[in-house]
Protein backbone atom coordinates (compact mmCIF):
# COMPACT_ATOMS: atom_id res chain seq x y z
CA UNK A 1 1.14 22.46 21.11
CA UNK A 2 2.38 20.36 24.06
CA UNK A 3 0.43 17.23 24.90
CA UNK A 4 2.69 16.05 27.73
CA UNK A 5 2.50 18.19 30.86
CA UNK A 6 5.54 16.51 32.37
CA UNK A 7 8.47 18.88 32.23
CA UNK A 8 10.91 17.96 29.49
CA UNK A 9 14.23 19.71 29.25
CA UNK A 10 14.53 19.09 25.51
CA UNK A 11 11.05 20.43 24.73
CA UNK A 12 11.89 23.56 26.69
CA UNK A 13 14.80 24.18 24.31
CA UNK A 14 12.63 23.98 21.20
CA UNK A 15 10.80 26.79 19.38
CA UNK A 16 7.03 27.07 19.69
CA UNK A 17 5.34 25.19 16.85
CA UNK A 18 1.80 24.62 15.60
CA UNK A 19 2.14 20.84 15.55
CA UNK A 20 2.35 18.37 18.42
CA UNK A 21 5.43 17.86 20.60
CA UNK A 22 5.43 15.01 23.11
CA UNK A 23 8.13 13.61 25.37
CA UNK A 24 8.97 9.92 25.81
CA UNK A 25 6.71 8.48 23.09
CA UNK A 26 6.82 4.68 22.91
CA UNK A 27 8.14 3.91 19.42
CA UNK A 28 7.45 0.18 19.68
CA UNK A 29 3.80 1.00 19.01
CA UNK A 30 4.72 2.84 15.81
CA UNK A 31 6.92 0.21 14.13
CA UNK A 32 6.10 -3.06 12.42
CA UNK A 33 8.58 -5.04 14.55
CA UNK A 34 6.85 -3.80 17.73
CA UNK A 35 10.17 -3.31 19.54
CA UNK A 36 12.31 -0.44 20.78
CA UNK A 37 12.50 2.33 23.32
CA UNK A 38 10.97 5.81 23.35
CA UNK A 39 11.55 8.92 21.29
CA UNK A 40 13.04 11.59 23.54
CA UNK A 41 10.67 14.02 21.80
CA UNK A 42 8.13 13.20 19.10
CA UNK A 43 7.05 15.88 16.62
CA UNK A 44 4.01 15.78 14.35
CA UNK A 45 4.38 18.94 12.20
CA UNK A 46 1.24 20.89 11.39
CA UNK A 47 2.36 21.55 7.82
CA UNK A 48 5.44 22.07 5.62
CA UNK A 49 6.19 25.50 7.09
CA UNK A 50 5.92 24.16 10.63
CA UNK A 51 8.49 21.44 9.90
CA UNK A 52 10.84 23.89 8.19
CA UNK A 53 10.51 26.33 11.10
CA UNK A 54 11.40 23.74 13.73
CA UNK A 55 14.39 22.50 11.73
CA UNK A 56 15.66 26.04 11.25
CA UNK A 57 15.08 27.39 14.76
CA UNK A 58 15.99 24.39 16.92
CA UNK A 59 19.45 24.25 18.55
CA UNK A 60 21.56 22.52 15.90
CA UNK A 61 23.05 20.05 18.39
CA UNK A 62 19.66 18.33 18.67
CA UNK A 63 19.49 15.38 16.22
CA UNK A 64 16.52 14.77 13.93
CA UNK A 65 15.18 11.35 12.91
CA UNK A 66 12.35 10.82 10.42
CA UNK A 67 10.08 7.78 10.51
CA UNK A 68 7.26 6.92 8.15
CA UNK A 69 5.06 3.91 8.81
CA UNK A 70 7.88 2.22 10.73
CA UNK A 71 8.03 -0.71 8.31
CA UNK A 72 11.74 -0.94 7.56
CA UNK A 73 13.42 -0.02 10.83
CA UNK A 74 14.56 -1.51 14.10
CA UNK A 75 14.34 1.00 16.94
CA UNK A 76 16.94 0.03 19.53
CA UNK A 77 15.86 -0.65 23.11
CA UNK A 78 17.41 2.53 24.55
CA UNK A 79 15.23 4.70 22.33
CA UNK A 80 16.03 7.56 19.97
CA UNK A 81 17.65 10.75 21.30
CA UNK A 82 16.62 14.15 20.02
CA UNK A 83 13.53 14.74 17.90
CA UNK A 84 11.70 12.00 16.01
CA UNK A 85 9.47 13.40 13.25
CA UNK A 86 6.41 11.61 11.95
CA UNK A 87 4.68 13.21 8.98
CA UNK A 88 0.89 13.56 9.16
CA UNK A 89 -1.97 14.04 6.69
CA UNK A 90 -0.57 17.36 5.45
CA UNK A 91 2.07 15.29 3.66
CA UNK A 92 -0.45 12.84 2.13
CA UNK A 93 -1.55 14.72 -1.02
CA UNK A 94 -1.66 13.08 -4.47
CA UNK A 95 -2.59 14.59 -7.84
CA UNK A 96 -1.98 13.81 -11.50
CA UNK A 97 -1.67 15.96 -14.62
CA UNK A 98 -0.27 14.98 -18.02
CA UNK A 99 1.12 11.68 -16.67
CA UNK A 100 3.01 13.46 -13.88
CA UNK A 101 1.99 12.40 -10.38
CA UNK A 102 2.70 14.86 -7.57
CA UNK A 103 2.78 13.03 -4.26
CA UNK A 104 3.54 13.95 -0.65
CA UNK A 105 6.19 11.94 1.15
CA UNK A 106 3.74 10.63 3.75
CA UNK A 107 1.63 8.74 1.21
CA UNK A 108 1.90 4.97 1.59
CA UNK A 109 3.29 2.97 -1.32
CA UNK A 110 0.10 0.91 -1.41
CA UNK A 111 -2.08 4.04 -1.64
CA UNK A 112 0.08 5.44 -4.43
CA UNK A 113 -0.04 2.19 -6.42
CA UNK A 114 -3.83 2.10 -6.12
CA UNK A 115 -4.10 5.78 -7.14
CA UNK A 116 -2.04 5.13 -10.28
CA UNK A 117 -4.16 2.11 -11.19
CA UNK A 118 -7.39 4.07 -10.72
CA UNK A 119 -6.07 6.78 -13.05
CA UNK A 120 -4.99 4.30 -15.76
CA UNK A 121 -1.25 4.94 -15.48
CA UNK A 122 1.48 2.33 -15.21
CA UNK A 123 4.95 2.26 -13.70
CA UNK A 124 4.07 2.07 -10.01
CA UNK A 125 2.60 -1.42 -9.73
CA UNK A 126 5.72 -2.69 -7.95
CA UNK A 127 5.03 -0.34 -5.02
CA UNK A 128 2.02 -2.53 -4.20
CA UNK A 129 4.53 -5.04 -2.84
CA UNK A 130 6.60 -2.63 -0.73
CA UNK A 131 5.56 -1.52 2.77
CA UNK A 132 6.17 2.04 3.92
CA UNK A 133 5.80 5.51 2.43
CA UNK A 134 7.01 7.12 -0.77
CA UNK A 135 9.43 9.31 1.19
CA UNK A 136 11.19 6.26 2.56
CA UNK A 137 11.02 4.52 -0.82
CA UNK A 138 12.88 7.42 -2.44
CA UNK A 139 15.51 7.57 0.29
CA UNK A 140 16.45 3.90 -0.15
CA UNK A 141 15.53 3.51 -3.85
CA UNK A 142 13.00 0.83 -2.99
CA UNK A 143 12.25 -1.78 -5.58
CA UNK A 144 11.05 -5.29 -6.34
CA UNK A 145 9.96 -7.46 -9.26
CA UNK A 146 12.43 -5.78 -11.62
CA UNK A 147 11.42 -2.16 -10.93
CA UNK A 148 12.84 0.59 -8.70
CA UNK A 149 11.58 4.00 -7.62
CA UNK A 150 14.46 5.65 -9.54
CA UNK A 151 12.75 4.51 -12.76
CA UNK A 152 9.91 6.99 -12.23
CA UNK A 153 11.29 9.85 -10.11
CA UNK A 154 11.47 13.11 -12.06
CA UNK A 155 12.09 15.54 -9.20
CA UNK A 156 11.80 15.70 -5.41
CA UNK A 157 11.34 18.52 -2.92
CA UNK A 158 13.42 18.34 0.25
CA UNK A 159 14.15 20.33 3.38
CA UNK A 160 17.58 20.12 5.00
CA UNK A 161 18.47 20.07 8.69
CA UNK A 162 18.69 23.89 8.68
CA UNK A 163 15.12 24.22 7.39
CA UNK A 164 16.01 25.25 3.83
CA UNK A 165 13.72 23.88 1.09
CA UNK A 166 15.04 22.95 -2.36
CA UNK A 167 14.33 20.70 -5.34
CA UNK A 168 16.53 17.92 -6.69
CA UNK A 169 16.37 16.19 -10.06
CA UNK A 170 16.60 12.42 -10.33
CA UNK A 171 20.25 12.63 -11.44
CA UNK A 172 21.13 14.80 -8.43
CA UNK A 173 19.76 12.16 -6.07
CA UNK A 174 22.34 9.65 -7.36
CA UNK A 175 20.30 6.51 -6.90
CA UNK A 176 22.10 3.21 -6.38
CA UNK A 177 20.97 -0.29 -5.49
CA UNK A 178 18.69 0.14 -2.44
CA UNK A 179 20.27 3.47 -1.65
CA UNK A 180 20.60 7.10 -2.65
CA UNK A 181 23.14 9.79 -1.89
CA UNK A 182 20.58 11.80 0.09
CA UNK A 183 22.15 12.65 3.48
CA UNK A 184 20.47 11.46 6.68
CA UNK A 185 19.57 15.00 7.78
CA UNK A 186 17.47 15.62 4.67
CA UNK A 187 13.67 15.26 4.74
CA UNK A 188 11.82 14.36 1.55
CA UNK A 189 8.66 16.49 1.38
CA UNK A 190 7.26 15.24 -1.91
CA UNK A 191 8.02 14.09 -5.44
CA UNK A 192 7.03 14.33 -9.08
CA UNK A 193 6.81 10.92 -10.75
CA UNK A 194 6.75 10.27 -14.51
CA UNK A 195 4.26 7.55 -15.41
CA UNK A 196 2.77 6.16 -18.65
CA UNK A 197 -0.78 5.65 -19.85
CA UNK A 198 -2.15 2.14 -19.66
CA UNK A 199 -5.28 0.15 -19.00
CA UNK A 200 -6.78 -0.40 -15.56
CA UNK A 201 -7.39 -4.07 -16.36
CA UNK A 202 -3.74 -4.72 -17.27
CA UNK A 203 -2.51 -2.74 -14.27
CA UNK A 204 -4.85 -4.62 -11.94
CA UNK A 205 -3.58 -7.96 -13.27
CA UNK A 206 0.03 -6.95 -12.53
CA UNK A 207 -0.87 -5.86 -9.02
CA UNK A 208 -2.84 -9.04 -8.40
CA UNK A 209 0.17 -11.13 -9.40
CA UNK A 210 2.34 -9.15 -6.98
CA UNK A 211 -0.20 -9.65 -4.19
CA UNK A 212 -0.37 -13.40 -4.78
CA UNK A 213 3.42 -13.67 -4.92
CA UNK A 214 3.78 -11.84 -1.61
CA UNK A 215 1.11 -13.93 0.10
CA UNK A 216 2.78 -17.12 -1.13
CA UNK A 217 6.39 -16.27 -0.33
CA UNK A 218 6.40 -13.78 2.58
CA UNK A 219 5.28 -13.88 6.24
CA UNK A 220 2.50 -11.35 5.68
CA UNK A 221 0.73 -11.67 9.04
CA UNK A 222 3.82 -11.63 11.26
CA UNK A 223 5.58 -8.79 13.10
CA UNK A 224 8.36 -8.22 10.61
CA UNK A 225 10.14 -5.32 8.93
CA UNK A 226 10.41 -6.53 5.35
CA UNK A 227 13.62 -7.66 3.65
CA UNK A 228 16.45 -7.67 6.17
CA UNK A 229 19.47 -7.65 3.85
CA UNK A 230 20.10 -6.35 0.34
CA UNK A 231 20.88 -8.84 -2.40
CA UNK A 232 24.63 -9.00 -3.16
CA UNK A 233 25.44 -8.53 -6.84
CA UNK A 234 24.37 -11.61 -8.76
CA UNK A 235 23.10 -13.37 -5.63
CA UNK A 236 19.91 -13.71 -3.59
CA UNK A 237 20.22 -12.94 0.11
CA UNK A 238 17.55 -15.48 1.06
CA UNK A 239 19.40 -18.26 -0.74
CA UNK A 240 22.70 -17.43 0.95
CA UNK A 241 20.92 -17.40 4.33
CA UNK A 242 19.25 -20.75 3.59
CA UNK A 243 22.53 -22.33 2.45
CA UNK A 244 24.19 -21.14 5.67
CA UNK A 245 21.62 -23.12 7.67
CA UNK A 246 19.86 -20.10 9.17
CA UNK A 247 16.25 -20.79 8.19
CA UNK A 248 14.17 -20.93 11.38
CA UNK A 249 17.09 -19.92 13.62
CA UNK A 250 16.16 -18.00 16.79
CA UNK A 251 17.71 -15.70 19.36
CA UNK A 252 15.48 -14.76 22.28
CA UNK A 253 12.07 -13.83 20.90
CA UNK A 254 13.38 -13.20 17.37
CA UNK A 255 13.53 -15.78 14.61
CA UNK A 256 14.28 -16.20 10.93
CA UNK A 257 11.10 -16.78 8.94
CA UNK A 258 10.59 -20.35 7.75
CA UNK A 259 8.61 -18.97 4.82
CA UNK A 260 11.20 -16.44 3.59
CA UNK A 261 14.54 -16.48 5.35
CA UNK A 262 15.44 -12.89 4.46
CA UNK A 263 12.68 -11.84 6.88
CA UNK A 264 13.16 -11.61 10.65
CA UNK A 265 10.13 -12.08 12.90
CA UNK A 266 9.23 -10.91 16.38
CA UNK A 267 7.44 -13.92 17.84
CA UNK A 268 5.92 -11.69 20.51
CA UNK A 269 8.64 -11.33 23.12
CA UNK A 270 11.62 -10.12 21.09
CA UNK A 271 13.70 -7.11 22.01
CA UNK A 272 15.41 -4.94 19.44
CA UNK A 273 18.67 -6.46 20.67
CA UNK A 274 17.36 -9.96 19.89
CA UNK A 275 16.57 -8.91 16.32
CA UNK A 276 19.86 -7.12 15.76
CA UNK A 277 21.90 -9.96 17.29
CA UNK A 278 20.05 -12.46 15.11
CA UNK A 279 20.81 -10.39 12.04
CA UNK A 280 24.49 -10.19 12.94
CA UNK A 281 24.62 -13.94 13.56
CA UNK A 282 23.14 -14.50 10.09
CA UNK A 283 25.78 -12.21 8.57
CA UNK A 284 28.52 -14.14 10.40
CA UNK A 285 27.28 -17.56 9.25
CA UNK A 286 26.72 -16.46 5.66
CA UNK A 287 30.25 -15.05 5.52
CA UNK A 288 31.71 -18.26 6.98
CA UNK A 289 29.77 -20.35 4.46
CA UNK A 290 30.13 -18.26 1.30
CA UNK A 291 32.68 -15.51 1.91
CA UNK A 292 29.97 -12.92 1.18
CA UNK A 293 29.21 -10.09 3.61
CA UNK A 294 25.51 -9.27 3.69
CA UNK A 295 24.54 -5.61 4.06
CA UNK A 296 21.59 -4.54 6.19
CA UNK A 297 18.61 -3.21 4.25
CA UNK A 298 16.62 -2.57 7.42
CA UNK A 299 17.67 0.67 9.08
CA UNK A 300 18.63 0.44 12.75
CA UNK A 301 18.16 3.63 14.75
CA UNK A 302 18.61 4.78 18.32
CA UNK A 303 20.82 3.54 21.13
CA UNK A 304 21.09 0.25 22.98
CA UNK A 305 20.87 0.05 26.75
CA UNK A 306 24.63 -0.38 26.92
CA UNK A 307 25.49 2.39 24.43
């Protein structure tokens, strides 16, 4: 179904689908940083088969980019070429049987943590402190407070860039620190998670501690994308950034959070370039001060105006 009557050359090259295809969708409205250019074409698949069909039948020179809630990405100012896919309610199912949770990749981490608590199972409390969806969490092996998604993943279902669906065990995913070996063209459709029985009171206490810790230490009500850099082995990124004198530093409309200096903030007028330049300046100063090269945790997608 086309919801943009303006002629679009790329849309005209795509197969007919049940879901929505729109040209030139403003991605700044779909990301937490509130920056970035448009998607050349945005696709909201009707269901699993619709997504698989488009991936299989599209011209293979057209790139595919998946976004969830837009919490851990910077969309560059020139926008994202090709097709940007956003998963809808079809991918938001959750069920539990014999301490195995089956969850669609579009389910938010917060929703999943609450579901586990309400069903008296433990192992997912840490997700309460991580923005985004379970699909994104699996792709980057999200974690905090001593836990990671790899600790609970039993199996995932994926579809590749040719539209072929398959299942992968946890060992086949090859999780590492804030990463997996899943290739960029792969789309996580859902997962089976192994959890343990517990008590809703104990689980609620853990989640309440996480909530209080986040409210105390993170800029919760700001336009931010979460942790900017991964922690180097044996080090804390925020501490290295602080020691390099970067707390509160600004470029354009972007600044380093005074509250937690591993968070970048859009003060209201930032461009994606401001945020990315600020991040690179932090990396430069940290390296000059400590000899350590910080690695981006936030994913940067799309093209700059000068690319």
